[in-house]
Each structure stands twice: as structure tokens, then as C-alpha cells.
C-alpha atoms as a PDB file:
ATOM      1  CA  UNK A   1      11.314  32.717  63.683  1.00  0.00           C
ATOM      2  CA  UNK A   2      11.630  28.963  63.222  1.00  0.00           C
ATOM      3  CA  UNK A   3      14.533  28.563  65.658  1.00  0.00           C
ATOM      4  CA  UNK A   4      12.526  30.327  68.362  1.00  0.00           C
ATOM      5  CA  UNK A   5       9.528  28.090  67.759  1.00  0.00           C
ATOM      6  CA  UNK A   6      11.768  25.027  67.733  1.00  0.00           C
ATOM      7  CA  UNK A   7      13.422  26.068  71.009  1.00  0.00           C
ATOM      8  CA  UNK A   8      10.028  26.703  72.606  1.00  0.00           C
ATOM      9  CA  UNK A   9       8.763  23.284  71.493  1.00  0.00           C
ATOM     10  CA  UNK A  10      11.854  21.607  72.966  1.00  0.00           C
ATOM     11  CA  UNK A  11      11.426  23.566  76.204  1.00  0.00           C
ATOM     12  CA  UNK A  12       7.817  22.406  76.482  1.00  0.00           C
ATOM     13  CA  UNK A  13       8.781  18.808  75.666  1.00  0.00           C
ATOM     14  CA  UNK A  14      11.535  18.886  78.271  1.00  0.00           C
ATOM     15  CA  UNK A  15       9.161  20.316  80.893  1.00  0.00           C
ATOM     16  CA  UNK A  16       6.541  17.672  80.056  1.00  0.00           C
ATOM     17  CA  UNK A  17       9.102  14.877  80.342  1.00  0.00           C
ATOM     18  CA  UNK A  18      10.235  16.165  83.728  1.00  0.00           C
ATOM     19  CA  UNK A  19       6.615  16.380  84.888  1.00  0.00           C
ATOM     20  CA  UNK A  20       5.982  12.791  83.763  1.00  0.00           C
ATOM     21  CA  UNK A  21       9.119  11.638  85.584  1.00  0.00           C
ATOM     22  CA  UNK A  22       8.143  13.422  88.792  1.00  0.00           C
ATOM     23  CA  UNK A  23       4.604  11.970  88.586  1.00  0.00           C
ATOM     24  CA  UNK A  24       5.985   8.457  88.087  1.00  0.00           C
ATOM     25  CA  UNK A  25       4.534   8.127  84.565  1.00  0.00           C
ATOM     26  CA  UNK A  26       7.987   7.831  82.979  1.00  0.00           C
ATOM     27  CA  UNK A  27      10.912   5.873  84.333  1.00  0.00           C
ATOM     28  CA  UNK A  28      14.169   6.457  82.471  1.00  0.00           C
ATOM     29  CA  UNK A  29      16.367   3.512  81.570  1.00  0.00           C
ATOM     30  CA  UNK A  30      19.636   3.263  83.540  1.00  0.00           C
ATOM     31  CA  UNK A  31      21.498   4.220  80.352  1.00  0.00           C
ATOM     32  CA  UNK A  32      19.381   7.386  80.083  1.00  0.00           C
ATOM     33  CA  UNK A  33      20.308   8.255  83.664  1.00  0.00           C
ATOM     34  CA  UNK A  34      23.962   7.701  82.770  1.00  0.00           C
ATOM     35  CA  UNK A  35      23.638  10.054  79.806  1.00  0.00           C
ATOM     36  CA  UNK A  36      22.009  12.634  82.088  1.00  0.00           C
ATOM     37  CA  UNK A  37      24.913  12.239  84.500  1.00  0.00           C
ATOM     38  CA  UNK A  38      27.442  12.702  81.713  1.00  0.00           C
ATOM     39  CA  UNK A  39      25.633  15.823  80.510  1.00  0.00           C
ATOM     40  CA  UNK A  40      25.287  17.209  84.032  1.00  0.00           C
ATOM     41  CA  UNK A  41      29.049  17.144  84.570  1.00  0.00           C
ATOM     42  CA  UNK A  42      30.108  19.038  81.454  1.00  0.00           C
ATOM     43  CA  UNK A  43      30.283  22.508  79.942  1.00  0.00           C
ATOM     44  CA  UNK A  44      27.256  22.662  77.664  1.00  0.00           C
ATOM     45  CA  UNK A  45      27.942  23.300  73.999  1.00  0.00           C
ATOM     46  CA  UNK A  46      27.007  21.682  70.724  1.00  0.00           C
ATOM     47  CA  UNK A  47      30.373  19.892  70.611  1.00  0.00           C
ATOM     48  CA  UNK A  48      29.986  18.550  74.157  1.00  0.00           C
ATOM     49  CA  UNK A  49      26.424  17.335  73.561  1.00  0.00           C
ATOM     50  CA  UNK A  50      27.393  15.619  70.326  1.00  0.00           C
ATOM     51  CA  UNK A  51      30.342  13.923  72.061  1.00  0.00           C
ATOM     52  CA  UNK A  52      28.035  12.630  74.809  1.00  0.00           C
ATOM     53  CA  UNK A  53      25.508  11.419  72.243  1.00  0.00           C
ATOM     54  CA  UNK A  54      28.045   9.586  70.115  1.00  0.00           C
ATOM     55  CA  UNK A  55      27.853   5.823  70.588  1.00  0.00           C
ATOM     56  CA  UNK A  56      25.051   5.855  73.167  1.00  0.00           C
ATOM     57  CA  UNK A  57      23.503   2.432  73.787  1.00  0.00           C
ATOM     58  CA  UNK A  58      20.286   1.287  72.137  1.00  0.00           C
ATOM     59  CA  UNK A  59      18.381   1.865  75.388  1.00  0.00           C
ATOM     60  CA  UNK A  60      19.122   5.578  75.046  1.00  0.00           C
ATOM     61  CA  UNK A  61      18.372   5.707  71.320  1.00  0.00           C
ATOM     62  CA  UNK A  62      14.966   4.118  71.894  1.00  0.00           C
ATOM     63  CA  UNK A  63      14.203   6.130  75.025  1.00  0.00           C
ATOM     64  CA  UNK A  64      12.527   9.474  75.516  1.00  0.00           C
ATOM     65  CA  UNK A  65      15.392  11.588  76.849  1.00  0.00           C
ATOM     66  CA  UNK A  66      17.153  11.520  73.476  1.00  0.00           C
ATOM     67  CA  UNK A  67      14.098  13.202  71.919  1.00  0.00           C
ATOM     68  CA  UNK A  68      14.850  16.455  73.757  1.00  0.00           C
ATOM     69  CA  UNK A  69      18.608  16.235  74.206  1.00  0.00           C
ATOM     70  CA  UNK A  70      19.681  15.432  70.647  1.00  0.00           C
ATOM     71  CA  UNK A  71      17.752  18.256  68.922  1.00  0.00           C
ATOM     72  CA  UNK A  72      18.900  20.738  71.562  1.00  0.00           C
ATOM     73  CA  UNK A  73      22.547  20.174  70.624  1.00  0.00           C
ATOM     74  CA  UNK A  74      22.232  22.232  67.475  1.00  0.00           C
ATOM     75  CA  UNK A  75      20.723  25.180  69.348  1.00  0.00           C
ATOM     76  CA  UNK A  76      23.232  25.484  72.179  1.00  0.00           C
ATOM     77  CA  UNK A  77      25.942  27.431  70.363  1.00  0.00           C
ATOM     78  CA  UNK A  78      23.669  29.721  68.391  1.00  0.00           C
ATOM     79  CA  UNK A  79      23.713  33.399  69.135  1.00  0.00           C
ATOM     80  CA  UNK A  80      20.601  34.339  71.042  1.00  0.00           C
ATOM     81  CA  UNK A  81      19.969  30.832  72.352  1.00  0.00           C
ATOM     82  CA  UNK A  82      16.734  30.669  74.329  1.00  0.00           C
ATOM     83  CA  UNK A  83      17.960  30.614  77.908  1.00  0.00           C
ATOM     84  CA  UNK A  84      14.588  29.294  79.096  1.00  0.00           C
ATOM     85  CA  UNK A  85      15.286  26.173  77.038  1.00  0.00           C
ATOM     86  CA  UNK A  86      18.760  25.796  78.509  1.00  0.00           C
ATOM     87  CA  UNK A  87      17.420  26.217  82.058  1.00  0.00           C
ATOM     88  CA  UNK A  88      14.626  23.692  81.473  1.00  0.00           C
ATOM     89  CA  UNK A  89      17.032  21.150  79.988  1.00  0.00           C
ATOM     90  CA  UNK A  90      19.440  21.696  82.874  1.00  0.00           C
ATOM     91  CA  UNK A  91      16.625  21.071  85.362  1.00  0.00           C
ATOM     92  CA  UNK A  92      15.638  17.867  83.582  1.00  0.00           C
ATOM     93  CA  UNK A  93      19.221  16.592  83.288  1.00  0.00           C
ATOM     94  CA  UNK A  94      20.146  17.471  86.858  1.00  0.00           C
ATOM     95  CA  UNK A  95      17.008  15.781  88.181  1.00  0.00           C
ATOM     96  CA  UNK A  96      17.722  12.572  86.245  1.00  0.00           C
ATOM     97  CA  UNK A  97      21.465  12.472  86.849  1.00  0.00           C
ATOM     98  CA  UNK A  98      22.513   9.757  89.287  1.00  0.00           C
ATOM     99  CA  UNK A  99      24.006  10.926  92.535  1.00  0.00           C
ATOM    100  CA  UNK A 100      27.728  11.535  92.279  1.00  0.00           C
END
């Protein structure tokens, strides 16, 4: 199933990005951290993700976080969403989110 393969690819990409962050090989832009903070504080759904992604600054659009967050938006509200993907994204977002 294409959606399953897509979700698995996003989960792997999200895990790899988190690993690179933890190893110091990727440093997110402050605007990416802000996006992570915005995402961390909300109820995850396609509508919420799209609202957070609307009008993000260029630093986010050219960064790496957007590559896993934006495609995930369309999967969040689907029946049978891959919960491993959601958990991996949540781990990434929560790790990057600035302290509240």
C-alpha cells in the first residue's frame, strides 16, 4: 500500500533527522525550533499542521524539518494512520521544541 510505504519513509526520515540532531550533525534554525514548539503545543490533525505551516518564514521553508512535517500533515487524519510515524514525529518535535 502506497500510504503505508509513504508513512514508513517519513518515519525513517524523521528518525534520521532526530539522530543527526542528537549527534550534532544538524542544527535547526531558530524558526524551525519555533515551528516545533508550535506543533508540540497543539492537538495534532491535518488542519492543525496546515495552520502551523501556513506563512512559515523562509528559514523554515529552506530547512530540513519541513521535509518531514509538511508531508505528514496529509496522513494524520487518515483512518489507520501509522502510529509509529506519529510517535516518531512527536519525539522529534518534542525534542526540538524550545523550553516553555
